[in-house]
Structures are given as structure tokens and as C-alpha cells.
Amino acid sequence: MPDEREEFFFDVPSHVAKLVIQEGVTFSGGLRVGYRKPDQPLVIEGRDRQTSVLFGTKVSGWTDQQRIAESDKWKYGSISVLADATVSVRNLTSLNPRGYHISGYAHASVIHLENCRLIDDRPGDNNNSDGFHGASGSTIRDSFISTSDDAIKIYRDLEIVNVTIHQGRNGAAIQLGWGGEPDAAQARIENLTILGTAPDGLYNMAPITWEAGEAGRRELEIKGLRVAATGKMYDEVHSRWIPLGLFEIKPSQCILNLRATGVEIDIPSLGLQQSKGSLQLEGKVRLEREE
């Protein structure tokens, strides 16, 4: 019997240089990109950002229902770059992917995302629909993310420009690590907006989170940061709800140096910072502690 789980995904032939989704067209399926020589980049382009759509499923928690291993969930996304390749994705919407939205975890899976929407509007809080991850040199520009897990992962050197993130209950807007990532990464960020949108004001992570790690280092230079969120986040250590913080930096042996200028922060607290390094916020910071 054919494995419909796998047949949903299309392996893009290496000789194909460009895929186009026309205006008003929804492509139900996922795209998998294999190895490409440096002089054979791939472009995936929509004719209309709103109506050129890569669609996954209406089913919530699809990867869990299919018993997909945690380390393989990214391979079941809207666009999964499985090996070294340069891929440009622009002017389209990724909607309710079966796994992650747009990811590449190979050493040189460089992804350039521009003028896109990554959206998960299904019910439930555990759809594992992580937003964006790419190898060093990847970029994300002029895009919008509202999904049901970590929106952007900074595990490799990355550039983020003119991006708005709506953070729901599950996942962080910016995730710095879960423990198994490379030792060092840098990010250059301009004009990043993070808005808390959980209807009940409850979050399981801070907007900027480093969940776990032992020897990592992250360097973030931000020019223009707006964060507006209110509510509470879950303190797993003490099994309680506490005022939502901007940071949740847990690993004490890691190093985080973050400098943000032109900030407008409106959030109950600055949160948790247990790593080495320094956090510098220059601009307007308004803290309203919630009891």
C-alpha cells in the first residue's frame, strides 16, 4: 500500500531552477529540496503573497498523530531543504504545514525568505509548526509569522530585517537553542516586531528564549525592536505561572551578548537571564508587573 504520508511531499529535481505558484493557487503538499551545487540555486516564488499558498493540513498535531520522531518533524514541512543547497523563497504564504514551515538543517542549507507569510491558524497549541531555520548566511526579510511553535531559530548566523511575529501560547518568537545546536551564532536584526497574541494571555515561553544548552554562544545586534505583550508565562521549575518576561535565558554555562537600540518594550517584566554575557536595551522600556 502506498505511503500517503510520504507521497504528499514532492522532491524537487536538481535541474529545476524555479517553481512558481500562480495568484489564487493553493498547492497542497510539501516541497523537499536535495543537494544542489552552488551554481544551481532554486527559487520558489508566488505571484501573490496572500493567495499563492503552500498548504499542509487541517489536522492539529499532525506530526504527533503520525508518530514522527522529534528530530524528523522539520522534514515534513512546507519547504524542507534536506541537504546543502541555496534556496530563495519569496512572495507566498505557508499555511498550516504538516511539520515545520521552512527549514534547512544541513551545514550549507542556505535559505533566503522574502515577503512571505508563515501562518498556522489551526486550533490547539502543539502543532509543531516551527517557522524558520537556515544555515549560516540565511536571511529573512519583509515577512510575517504567526505560528504554533518557535517562530525563528537563531542556531546559525542569520539576518532578520522587517519581520513581524505574532507569538501565541506555544513557542518563542526568537529561540536561541534547545541544547544540541552549534556552539556559536550571530544575528543581525533590523526592525523586529513581536506582539503577544495568546487569547488568554498565557505563554509557555518568553519572546526571546534559550531553553537549554551547555557551551553555546549567541551574539545579537538589533536595530529597532518593538515588543508588546501582557500576561503570564509558565515557570517549569516551580510549576507556577509568573509575569511574562522579555527573556527566558536558562543555560548558565552559555554566553549571550545582546545589544538592542531603538527599542519600544511593553511587557510585565524583563524575565530570566541565567547565562553569561550582557543584555543592553536602549530606548523605551515599560514594565507592568502582573500579579
Protein backbone atom coordinates (compact mmCIF):
# COMPACT_ATOMS: atom_id res chain seq x y z
CA MET A 1 0.00 0.00 0.00
CA PRO A 2 1.45 3.43 -0.94
CA ASP A 3 2.65 5.54 1.96
CA GLU A 4 0.41 8.59 1.63
CA ARG A 5 2.37 10.25 4.40
CA GLU A 6 5.40 10.42 2.11
CA GLU A 7 3.60 10.86 -1.20
CA PHE A 8 2.29 14.22 -0.02
CA PHE A 9 5.82 15.61 -0.44
CA PHE A 10 7.41 16.47 -3.78
CA ASP A 11 11.16 16.02 -4.28
CA VAL A 12 12.27 18.96 -6.42
CA PRO A 13 14.57 17.71 -9.22
CA SER A 14 18.03 19.26 -9.13
CA HIS A 15 17.73 20.52 -12.73
CA VAL A 16 14.68 22.67 -11.86
CA ALA A 17 15.74 26.29 -11.30
CA LYS A 18 12.39 27.89 -10.43
CA LEU A 19 8.98 26.90 -9.13
CA VAL A 20 6.10 29.38 -9.42
CA ILE A 21 2.74 29.33 -7.60
CA GLN A 22 0.30 31.48 -9.51
CA GLU A 23 -2.05 34.02 -7.97
CA GLY A 24 -5.09 32.36 -6.41
CA VAL A 25 -3.47 28.91 -6.44
CA THR A 26 -3.15 26.66 -3.37
CA PHE A 27 -0.59 23.88 -3.68
CA SER A 28 -1.47 21.11 -1.21
CA GLY A 29 1.81 19.43 -0.48
CA GLY A 30 5.31 19.96 0.79
CA LEU A 31 8.49 20.61 -1.15
CA ARG A 32 11.72 18.76 -0.38
CA VAL A 33 14.99 20.07 -1.75
CA GLY A 34 18.04 17.83 -2.03
CA TYR A 35 21.67 18.61 -2.70
CA ARG A 36 22.43 21.34 -5.22
CA LYS A 37 25.72 22.63 -6.50
CA PRO A 38 26.49 26.26 -5.54
CA ASP A 39 25.81 27.35 -9.14
CA GLN A 40 22.38 25.66 -9.17
CA PRO A 41 20.23 27.66 -6.70
CA LEU A 42 16.48 27.16 -6.52
CA VAL A 43 13.82 29.87 -6.50
CA ILE A 44 10.33 29.17 -5.11
CA GLU A 45 8.11 32.13 -5.87
CA GLY A 46 4.48 33.10 -5.52
CA ARG A 47 2.78 35.61 -7.79
CA ASP A 48 0.74 36.98 -4.88
CA ARG A 49 1.80 36.89 -1.22
CA GLN A 50 -1.78 36.49 0.01
CA THR A 51 -3.16 33.95 -2.46
CA SER A 52 -0.14 31.93 -3.63
CA VAL A 53 -0.29 29.27 -0.93
CA LEU A 54 1.61 26.17 0.18
CA PHE A 55 -0.93 24.25 2.28
CA GLY A 56 -0.33 21.36 4.65
CA THR A 57 -3.31 20.07 6.63
CA LYS A 58 -6.36 20.99 8.68
CA VAL A 59 -5.36 18.38 11.26
CA SER A 60 -3.91 19.70 14.51
CA GLY A 61 -0.84 17.96 15.86
CA TRP A 62 -0.28 16.01 12.63
CA THR A 63 3.32 15.01 13.35
CA ASP A 64 2.39 13.59 16.75
CA GLN A 65 -0.54 11.67 15.30
CA GLN A 66 1.80 10.21 12.67
CA ARG A 67 4.41 9.42 15.35
CA ILE A 68 7.08 11.39 13.56
CA ALA A 69 10.32 11.46 15.56
CA GLU A 70 11.07 14.84 17.12
CA SER A 71 14.30 15.12 15.11
CA ASP A 72 12.45 14.46 11.82
CA LYS A 73 9.46 16.80 12.12
CA TRP A 74 11.17 19.51 10.09
CA LYS A 75 11.37 17.16 7.10
CA TYR A 76 7.56 17.23 6.85
CA GLY A 77 7.25 20.96 6.35
CA SER A 78 6.08 23.29 3.61
CA ILE A 79 9.66 23.58 2.37
CA SER A 80 12.37 21.29 3.75
CA VAL A 81 15.92 21.77 2.49
CA LEU A 82 17.36 18.35 3.22
CA ALA A 83 20.96 18.88 2.06
CA ASP A 84 23.41 21.60 1.07
CA ALA A 85 21.59 23.96 -1.30
CA THR A 86 20.77 27.64 -1.75
CA VAL A 87 17.02 28.28 -1.89
CA SER A 88 15.19 31.59 -2.27
CA VAL A 89 11.54 31.67 -1.18
CA ARG A 90 9.51 34.77 -1.86
CA ASN A 91 6.08 36.29 -2.15
CA LEU A 92 3.94 33.41 -0.86
CA THR A 93 2.08 32.01 2.16
CA SER A 94 2.89 28.83 4.03
CA LEU A 95 -0.34 27.75 5.73
CA ASN A 96 -0.78 25.01 8.35
CA PRO A 97 2.20 22.83 7.44
CA ARG A 98 2.18 19.19 8.47
CA GLY A 99 5.51 19.79 10.21
CA TYR A 100 7.64 22.92 10.22
CA HIS A 101 7.17 25.82 7.81
CA ILE A 102 10.52 26.49 6.11
CA SER A 103 13.69 24.82 7.38
CA GLY A 104 17.11 23.56 6.45
CA TYR A 105 19.41 21.87 8.95
CA ALA A 106 22.29 20.80 6.68
CA HIS A 107 25.62 22.58 7.07
CA ALA A 108 25.07 24.70 3.95
CA SER A 109 21.28 24.73 3.50
CA VAL A 110 21.10 28.49 2.94
CA ILE A 111 17.57 29.88 2.72
CA HIS A 112 16.57 33.42 1.74
CA LEU A 113 12.97 34.16 2.72
CA GLU A 114 11.43 37.39 1.47
CA ASN A 115 7.95 38.92 1.56
CA CYS A 116 6.27 35.78 2.90
CA ARG A 117 3.67 34.81 5.47
CA LEU A 118 4.12 31.76 7.71
CA ILE A 119 0.77 31.05 9.33
CA ASP A 120 -0.76 28.35 11.50
CA ASP A 121 -4.41 29.10 12.24
CA ARG A 122 -5.46 25.61 13.39
CA PRO A 123 -6.85 25.05 16.88
CA GLY A 124 -4.58 23.63 19.54
CA ASP A 125 -1.21 24.70 20.88
CA ASN A 126 1.05 21.80 19.87
CA ASN A 127 1.17 21.70 16.10
CA ASN A 128 4.99 21.75 15.99
CA SER A 129 4.81 24.27 13.17
CA ASP A 130 8.17 25.95 13.79
CA GLY A 131 8.69 28.90 11.49
CA PHE A 132 12.15 29.49 10.03
CA HIS A 133 15.62 27.97 10.31
CA GLY A 134 18.51 28.01 7.88
CA ALA A 135 22.26 27.56 7.70
CA SER A 136 24.73 30.40 8.20
CA GLY A 137 24.17 33.11 5.61
CA SER A 138 20.39 32.68 5.59
CA THR A 139 18.12 35.73 5.61
CA ILE A 140 14.50 36.55 6.37
CA ARG A 141 13.08 39.87 5.19
CA ASP A 142 9.76 41.71 4.98
CA SER A 143 7.81 38.78 6.36
CA PHE A 144 5.09 37.89 8.86
CA ILE A 145 4.99 34.87 11.18
CA SER A 146 2.05 33.67 13.27
CA THR A 147 2.56 30.03 14.07
CA SER A 148 2.17 27.41 16.80
CA ASP A 149 5.79 26.91 17.88
CA ASP A 150 9.14 28.73 17.76
CA ALA A 151 8.97 31.40 15.05
CA ILE A 152 12.65 31.97 14.21
CA LYS A 153 15.57 29.84 15.40
CA ILE A 154 18.95 31.51 15.70
CA TYR A 155 21.22 28.49 15.70
CA ARG A 156 23.39 29.72 12.80
CA ASP A 157 24.47 33.16 11.54
CA LEU A 158 21.31 34.89 10.37
CA GLU A 159 19.99 38.22 9.13
CA ILE A 160 16.46 39.34 10.05
CA VAL A 161 15.03 42.55 8.54
CA ASN A 162 11.50 43.99 8.76
CA VAL A 163 9.81 40.99 10.34
CA THR A 164 6.65 40.91 12.46
CA ILE A 165 5.92 37.94 14.73
CA HIS A 166 2.65 37.20 16.49
CA GLN A 167 3.54 34.97 19.42
CA GLY A 168 0.88 32.56 20.60
CA ARG A 169 0.85 30.32 23.63
CA ASN A 170 3.31 27.70 22.35
CA GLY A 171 6.90 28.50 21.44
CA ALA A 172 9.12 31.55 21.46
CA ALA A 173 9.28 34.33 18.90
CA ILE A 174 13.08 34.01 18.92
CA GLN A 175 14.52 30.67 20.02
CA LEU A 176 18.25 30.52 20.71
CA GLY A 177 18.62 26.84 21.48
CA TRP A 178 17.34 23.57 22.86
CA GLY A 179 20.72 22.07 23.73
CA GLY A 180 22.03 20.33 20.63
CA GLU A 181 22.86 23.31 18.41
CA PRO A 182 26.24 24.60 17.14
CA ASP A 183 28.48 26.39 19.59
CA ALA A 184 28.23 29.90 18.17
CA ALA A 185 25.84 32.01 16.11
CA GLN A 186 25.45 35.67 15.28
CA ALA A 187 22.35 37.56 14.18
CA ARG A 188 21.98 40.99 12.65
CA ILE A 189 18.43 42.20 13.18
CA GLU A 190 16.65 45.34 11.99
CA ASN A 191 13.06 46.38 12.69
CA LEU A 192 11.74 43.34 14.51
CA THR A 193 8.23 43.49 15.99
CA ILE A 194 6.92 40.88 18.45
CA LEU A 195 3.28 41.04 19.57
CA GLY A 196 1.81 38.68 22.16
CA THR A 197 -1.46 37.26 20.81
CA ALA A 198 -2.42 34.41 23.15
CA PRO A 199 -6.15 34.98 23.78
CA ASP A 200 -5.90 34.08 27.46
CA GLY A 201 -2.58 35.86 27.99
CA LEU A 202 -0.78 32.61 28.89
CA TYR A 203 2.55 31.65 27.32
CA ASN A 204 4.90 28.72 27.76
CA MET A 205 7.97 30.76 26.74
CA ALA A 206 9.25 34.31 26.70
CA PRO A 207 9.55 36.20 23.39
CA ILE A 208 13.33 35.65 23.46
CA THR A 209 14.15 32.23 24.89
CA TRP A 210 17.18 29.98 25.25
CA GLU A 211 15.70 26.78 26.57
CA ALA A 212 18.78 24.61 27.06
CA GLY A 213 22.48 24.32 26.28
CA GLU A 214 25.88 23.71 27.80
CA ALA A 215 28.55 25.57 25.83
CA GLY A 216 26.89 27.80 23.25
CA ARG A 217 27.37 31.44 22.38
CA ARG A 218 24.93 33.86 20.72
CA GLU A 219 25.69 37.41 19.57
CA LEU A 220 22.64 39.52 18.66
CA GLU A 221 22.85 43.07 17.31
CA ILE A 222 19.39 44.62 17.00
CA LYS A 223 18.49 47.99 15.50
CA GLY A 224 14.81 48.57 16.10
CA LEU A 225 12.95 46.23 18.44
CA ARG A 226 9.30 46.54 19.37
CA VAL A 227 7.74 44.08 21.83
CA ALA A 228 4.19 44.40 23.19
CA ALA A 229 2.76 41.58 25.27
CA THR A 230 0.97 41.12 28.55
CA GLY A 231 0.07 38.11 30.62
CA LYS A 232 1.93 35.25 32.28
CA MET A 233 4.36 32.51 31.35
CA TYR A 234 4.81 29.08 32.89
CA ASP A 235 7.71 28.53 35.27
CA GLU A 236 8.50 24.83 34.77
CA VAL A 237 10.98 24.68 37.64
CA HIS A 238 8.47 25.77 40.28
CA SER A 239 5.29 24.66 38.47
CA ARG A 240 3.63 28.05 38.60
CA TRP A 241 2.56 30.98 36.43
CA ILE A 242 4.70 34.11 36.70
CA PRO A 243 4.57 37.52 34.98
CA LEU A 244 5.57 37.28 31.34
CA GLY A 245 9.18 38.32 30.78
CA LEU A 246 11.02 39.52 27.71
CA PHE A 247 13.78 36.96 28.27
CA GLU A 248 13.90 33.34 29.36
CA ILE A 249 17.61 32.54 29.13
CA LYS A 250 18.11 29.33 31.09
CA PRO A 251 21.55 27.77 30.39
CA SER A 252 24.05 29.13 32.88
CA GLN A 253 27.10 27.85 31.00
CA CYS A 254 26.20 29.57 27.74
CA ILE A 255 27.01 33.13 26.64
CA LEU A 256 24.51 35.63 25.29
CA ASN A 257 25.55 39.12 24.26
CA LEU A 258 22.57 41.15 23.06
CA ARG A 259 22.56 44.84 22.22
CA ALA A 260 19.32 46.41 21.05
CA THR A 261 18.90 50.07 20.12
CA GLY A 262 15.71 51.90 19.25
CA VAL A 263 13.63 49.63 21.48
CA GLU A 264 9.98 50.01 22.48
CA ILE A 265 9.23 47.36 25.08
CA ASP A 266 5.88 46.99 26.86
CA ILE A 267 5.81 43.77 28.89
CA PRO A 268 5.27 42.78 32.55
CA SER A 269 8.96 42.03 33.33
CA LEU A 270 12.41 41.58 31.84
CA GLY A 271 12.29 37.91 32.81
CA LEU A 272 15.08 35.42 33.41
CA GLN A 273 18.76 35.75 32.49
CA GLN A 274 20.99 32.96 33.79
CA SER A 275 23.64 32.90 31.07
CA LYS A 276 26.94 34.73 30.93
CA GLY A 277 27.31 37.81 28.79
CA SER A 278 25.36 41.06 28.71
CA LEU A 279 21.93 42.36 27.72
CA GLN A 280 21.70 46.01 26.65
CA LEU A 281 18.41 47.69 25.82
CA GLU A 282 18.50 51.30 24.64
CA GLY A 283 15.20 53.09 24.22
CA LYS A 284 11.80 52.90 25.92
CA VAL A 285 11.17 50.02 28.31
CA ARG A 286 7.84 49.92 30.16
CA LEU A 287 7.32 47.16 32.70
CA GLU A 288 3.91 46.46 34.19
CA ARG A 289 4.15 43.57 36.60
CA GLU A 290 1.11 41.31 36.69
CA GLU A 291 0.32 39.67 39.98
